[in-house]
């Protein structure tokens, strides 16, 4: 009689079953891990593209804001320059109106001063004072050169109305805050005083000499030309730019 060991066969079957289940579980874990890695890679890729798109958009917006800021700064500078010119013209008009109201200067005097005002250098008049034949002109400029030309024009182009013109220029440095929040900037201006004799009764005659006596007869300069004895004598040494 043949005897079969059923217990040994059952043990082999159970072992095979356990091995199959372990292999299936391992495969499932590997598949889950691979799926997780794949999902992570997809998430990283999506995040990269989204972040890159946001970065590009932010860079474009920054460039646009910088362009607008530069344009605003340029417009602000143009606005400041225009307001400065308007203020200069308004000050000149006010001085002329005040003189006309108080009858401190004839229209020919005011018209002549206005005609000799330099067109450059931002020269601004602050006061015109007249006492008998003495005339004092005070103002501020951004550059001393137009002031010197202004004084020369008064003496040489006034048909003898202005004589013995003297010029005093003082440099002024002022610290102003930067509108953009940067360090303070230094703004330099030049305060000037022009003193002269306004002699409408002596038009056509030679200006007085240093001793206060009239020049010799025949030395008078023709109308519209500079007299040889008339010179611009600054009251102080011009300040260099």
Protein backbone atom coordinates (compact mmCIF):
# COMPACT_ATOMS: atom_id res chain seq x y z
CA UNK A 1 0.00 0.00 0.00
CA UNK A 2 1.29 3.46 -1.00
CA UNK A 3 1.21 6.12 1.70
CA UNK A 4 0.99 9.88 0.67
CA UNK A 5 2.15 12.58 3.02
CA UNK A 6 -0.70 15.12 2.71
CA UNK A 7 0.76 17.41 5.34
CA UNK A 8 3.90 18.00 3.27
CA UNK A 9 1.91 18.89 0.16
CA UNK A 10 -0.29 21.32 2.08
CA UNK A 11 2.79 23.03 3.51
CA UNK A 12 4.25 23.47 0.04
CA UNK A 13 0.97 24.91 -1.17
CA UNK A 14 0.80 27.35 1.68
CA UNK A 15 4.40 28.42 1.10
CA UNK A 16 3.73 29.00 -2.59
CA UNK A 17 0.62 30.98 -1.75
CA UNK A 18 2.52 33.15 0.71
CA UNK A 19 5.29 33.75 -1.84
CA UNK A 20 2.73 34.72 -4.46
CA UNK A 21 1.04 37.14 -2.06
CA UNK A 22 4.41 38.64 -1.03
CA UNK A 23 5.39 39.12 -4.66
CA UNK A 24 2.06 40.73 -5.43
CA UNK A 25 2.39 43.04 -2.43
CA UNK A 26 5.92 44.00 -3.45
CA UNK A 27 4.76 44.68 -7.00
CA UNK A 28 1.91 46.79 -5.66
CA UNK A 29 4.29 48.78 -3.47
CA UNK A 30 6.67 49.31 -6.40
CA UNK A 31 3.78 50.46 -8.56
CA UNK A 32 2.56 52.83 -5.82
CA UNK A 33 6.07 54.23 -5.38
CA UNK A 34 6.47 54.67 -9.13
CA UNK A 35 3.08 56.37 -9.31
CA UNK A 36 4.03 58.68 -6.45
CA UNK A 37 7.32 59.57 -8.14
CA UNK A 38 5.55 60.19 -11.42
CA UNK A 39 2.96 62.40 -9.71
CA UNK A 40 5.78 64.29 -7.95
CA UNK A 41 7.60 64.83 -11.25
CA UNK A 42 4.40 66.07 -12.89
CA UNK A 43 3.73 68.41 -9.96
CA UNK A 44 7.30 69.75 -10.11
CA UNK A 45 7.00 70.28 -13.86
CA UNK A 46 3.70 72.11 -13.53
CA UNK A 47 5.08 74.22 -10.68
CA UNK A 48 8.17 75.08 -12.76
CA UNK A 49 6.15 76.23 -15.74
CA UNK A 50 3.71 78.20 -13.55
CA UNK A 51 6.55 79.83 -11.60
CA UNK A 52 8.42 80.63 -14.81
CA UNK A 53 5.30 82.22 -16.29
CA UNK A 54 4.75 84.27 -13.12
CA UNK A 55 8.41 85.35 -13.13
CA UNK A 56 8.17 86.47 -16.76
CA UNK A 57 4.98 88.38 -15.99
CA UNK A 58 6.57 90.01 -12.94
CA UNK A 59 9.64 91.01 -14.99
CA UNK A 60 7.41 92.52 -17.67
CA UNK A 61 5.44 94.44 -15.04
CA UNK A 62 8.68 95.65 -13.43
CA UNK A 63 10.02 96.84 -16.79
CA UNK A 64 6.74 98.66 -17.47
CA UNK A 65 6.79 100.31 -14.05
CA UNK A 66 10.41 101.37 -14.56
CA UNK A 67 9.48 102.86 -17.93
CA UNK A 68 6.57 104.73 -16.38
CA UNK A 69 8.80 105.94 -13.52
CA UNK A 70 11.39 107.23 -16.00
CA UNK A 71 8.67 108.96 -18.00
CA UNK A 72 7.20 110.51 -14.85
CA UNK A 73 10.63 111.72 -13.77
CA UNK A 74 11.19 113.29 -17.19
CA UNK A 75 7.76 114.94 -17.07
CA UNK A 76 8.46 116.17 -13.52
CA UNK A 77 11.75 117.74 -14.65
CA UNK A 78 10.02 119.41 -17.58
CA UNK A 79 7.25 120.61 -15.24
CA UNK A 80 9.79 122.03 -12.76
CA UNK A 81 11.67 123.82 -15.55
CA UNK A 82 8.43 125.24 -16.94
CA UNK A 83 7.26 126.38 -13.49
CA UNK A 84 10.65 128.01 -12.94
CA UNK A 85 10.36 129.92 -16.21
CA UNK A 86 6.77 130.93 -15.42
CA UNK A 87 7.83 132.12 -11.96
CA UNK A 88 10.67 134.14 -13.48
CA UNK A 89 8.30 135.82 -15.95
CA UNK A 90 5.72 136.47 -13.24
CA UNK A 91 8.36 138.05 -11.00
CA UNK A 92 9.51 140.30 -13.83
CA UNK A 93 5.91 141.30 -14.57
CA UNK A 94 5.25 141.97 -10.87
CA UNK A 95 8.33 144.17 -10.53
CA UNK A 96 7.36 146.16 -13.61
CA UNK A 97 3.76 146.50 -12.39
CA UNK A 98 4.92 147.63 -8.94
CA UNK A 99 7.24 150.21 -10.43
CA UNK A 100 4.56 151.48 -12.74
CA UNK A 101 2.05 151.73 -9.88
CA UNK A 102 4.45 153.61 -7.62
CA UNK A 103 5.78 155.67 -10.54
CA UNK A 104 9.33 154.78 -9.58
CA UNK A 105 10.42 154.19 -13.13
CA UNK A 106 9.36 155.61 -16.50
CA UNK A 107 8.14 153.24 -19.14
CA UNK A 108 11.26 153.75 -21.26
CA UNK A 109 13.44 152.62 -18.34
CA UNK A 110 11.35 149.51 -17.69
CA UNK A 111 11.09 148.64 -21.37
CA UNK A 112 14.85 149.01 -21.76
CA UNK A 113 15.59 146.75 -18.76
CA UNK A 114 13.12 144.17 -20.05
CA UNK A 115 14.62 144.30 -23.53
CA UNK A 116 18.14 143.72 -22.19
CA UNK A 117 17.14 140.73 -20.03
CA UNK A 118 19.10 137.66 -21.21
CA UNK A 119 17.09 134.89 -22.80
CA UNK A 120 19.27 132.16 -21.21
CA UNK A 121 20.72 131.49 -17.78
CA UNK A 122 17.39 131.81 -15.94
CA UNK A 123 17.99 135.37 -14.72
CA UNK A 124 15.29 136.48 -12.25
CA UNK A 125 14.89 140.06 -11.06
CA UNK A 126 13.98 140.59 -7.40
CA UNK A 127 13.95 144.36 -7.07
CA UNK A 128 14.55 147.58 -9.01
CA UNK A 129 15.24 150.60 -6.82
CA UNK A 130 15.62 154.16 -8.08
CA UNK A 131 16.69 157.18 -6.08
CA UNK A 132 17.14 160.32 -8.18
CA UNK A 133 19.65 159.26 -10.84
CA UNK A 134 20.88 156.15 -9.00
CA UNK A 135 19.40 152.83 -10.10
CA UNK A 136 19.88 149.51 -8.29
CA UNK A 137 18.85 146.21 -9.93
CA UNK A 138 18.88 143.08 -7.77
CA UNK A 139 18.26 139.51 -8.87
CA UNK A 140 19.31 135.86 -8.93
CA UNK A 141 20.69 133.73 -11.78
CA UNK A 142 21.80 130.15 -12.30
CA UNK A 143 24.92 131.30 -14.13
CA UNK A 144 27.02 134.49 -13.73
CA UNK A 145 27.81 134.82 -17.45
CA UNK A 146 24.31 135.99 -18.56
CA UNK A 147 24.36 138.50 -15.68
CA UNK A 148 27.60 140.01 -16.99
CA UNK A 149 26.09 140.19 -20.48
CA UNK A 150 22.98 141.79 -19.00
CA UNK A 151 25.05 144.49 -17.28
CA UNK A 152 27.11 145.11 -20.43
CA UNK A 153 23.94 145.35 -22.50
CA UNK A 154 22.52 147.96 -20.11
CA UNK A 155 25.59 150.13 -20.45
CA UNK A 156 26.56 149.64 -24.06
CA UNK A 157 23.11 149.38 -25.61
CA UNK A 158 21.13 152.04 -23.74
CA UNK A 159 21.94 155.07 -25.90
CA UNK A 160 23.59 156.67 -22.88
CA UNK A 161 20.68 156.20 -20.47
CA UNK A 162 22.79 153.99 -18.15
CA UNK A 163 26.26 155.15 -17.15
CA UNK A 164 28.95 153.93 -14.72
CA UNK A 165 27.50 150.43 -14.46
CA UNK A 166 28.85 148.34 -11.57
CA UNK A 167 28.24 144.61 -11.02
CA UNK A 168 28.48 142.56 -7.84
CA UNK A 169 27.96 138.77 -7.91
CA UNK A 170 27.77 136.48 -4.88
CA UNK A 171 27.64 132.69 -5.09
CA UNK A 172 25.04 130.87 -2.98
CA UNK A 173 25.00 127.08 -2.37
CA UNK A 174 21.79 125.54 -1.04
CA UNK A 175 21.14 121.91 -0.09
CA UNK A 176 17.83 120.59 -1.35
CA UNK A 177 16.28 117.17 -0.72
CA UNK A 178 16.11 114.74 -3.62
CA UNK A 179 12.45 114.16 -4.68
CA UNK A 180 13.36 110.53 -5.44
CA UNK A 181 14.53 109.96 -1.84
CA UNK A 182 18.25 109.97 -2.66
CA UNK A 183 20.99 112.05 -1.02
CA UNK A 184 20.66 115.81 -0.80
CA UNK A 185 21.76 117.75 -3.86
CA UNK A 186 23.52 121.10 -3.86
CA UNK A 187 21.90 123.84 -5.97
CA UNK A 188 24.13 126.81 -6.79
CA UNK A 189 22.70 130.23 -7.61
CA UNK A 190 24.28 133.64 -8.03
CA UNK A 191 22.83 136.73 -6.37
CA UNK A 192 23.74 139.89 -8.26
CA UNK A 193 23.42 143.62 -7.78
CA UNK A 194 23.79 146.06 -10.67
CA UNK A 195 24.29 149.70 -9.75
CA UNK A 196 24.20 152.41 -12.37
CA UNK A 197 23.35 156.03 -13.04
CA UNK A 198 20.13 156.52 -14.94
CA UNK A 199 20.61 159.82 -16.75
CA UNK A 200 17.97 160.42 -19.41
CA UNK A 201 18.82 164.15 -19.37
CA UNK A 202 22.39 163.38 -20.40
CA UNK A 203 21.54 161.29 -23.44
CA UNK A 204 23.99 162.17 -26.18
CA UNK A 205 26.62 163.47 -23.76
CA UNK A 206 29.75 161.69 -22.62
CA UNK A 207 29.55 159.90 -19.25
CA UNK A 208 31.28 161.46 -16.30
CA UNK A 209 34.92 160.65 -15.63
CA UNK A 210 36.23 159.09 -12.40
CA UNK A 211 36.65 162.60 -10.93
CA UNK A 212 32.97 163.33 -11.49
CA UNK A 213 33.63 165.89 -14.26
CA UNK A 214 32.11 165.60 -17.76
CA UNK A 215 34.41 164.31 -20.44
CA UNK A 216 35.86 166.69 -22.99
CA UNK A 217 33.62 168.00 -25.72
CA UNK A 218 33.39 165.82 -28.77
CA UNK A 219 33.98 162.64 -26.77
CA UNK A 220 30.32 161.72 -26.71
CA UNK A 221 29.49 158.42 -28.35
CA UNK A 222 26.93 158.32 -31.16
CA UNK A 223 23.53 156.92 -30.30
CA UNK A 224 23.52 153.11 -30.17
CA UNK A 225 27.33 152.82 -29.77
CA UNK A 226 29.43 152.32 -26.64
CA UNK A 227 31.33 155.32 -25.31
CA UNK A 228 35.13 154.68 -25.06
CA UNK A 229 35.22 156.01 -21.51
CA UNK A 230 32.26 153.91 -20.38
CA UNK A 231 33.32 150.56 -18.95
CA UNK A 232 31.77 147.86 -16.88
CA UNK A 233 33.50 147.89 -13.48
CA UNK A 234 32.42 145.00 -11.27
CA UNK A 235 32.06 145.92 -7.64
CA UNK A 236 33.50 142.56 -6.64
CA UNK A 237 35.49 139.77 -8.22
CA UNK A 238 33.18 137.53 -10.28
CA UNK A 239 32.66 134.14 -8.72
CA UNK A 240 33.79 131.28 -10.97
CA UNK A 241 31.26 128.70 -12.00
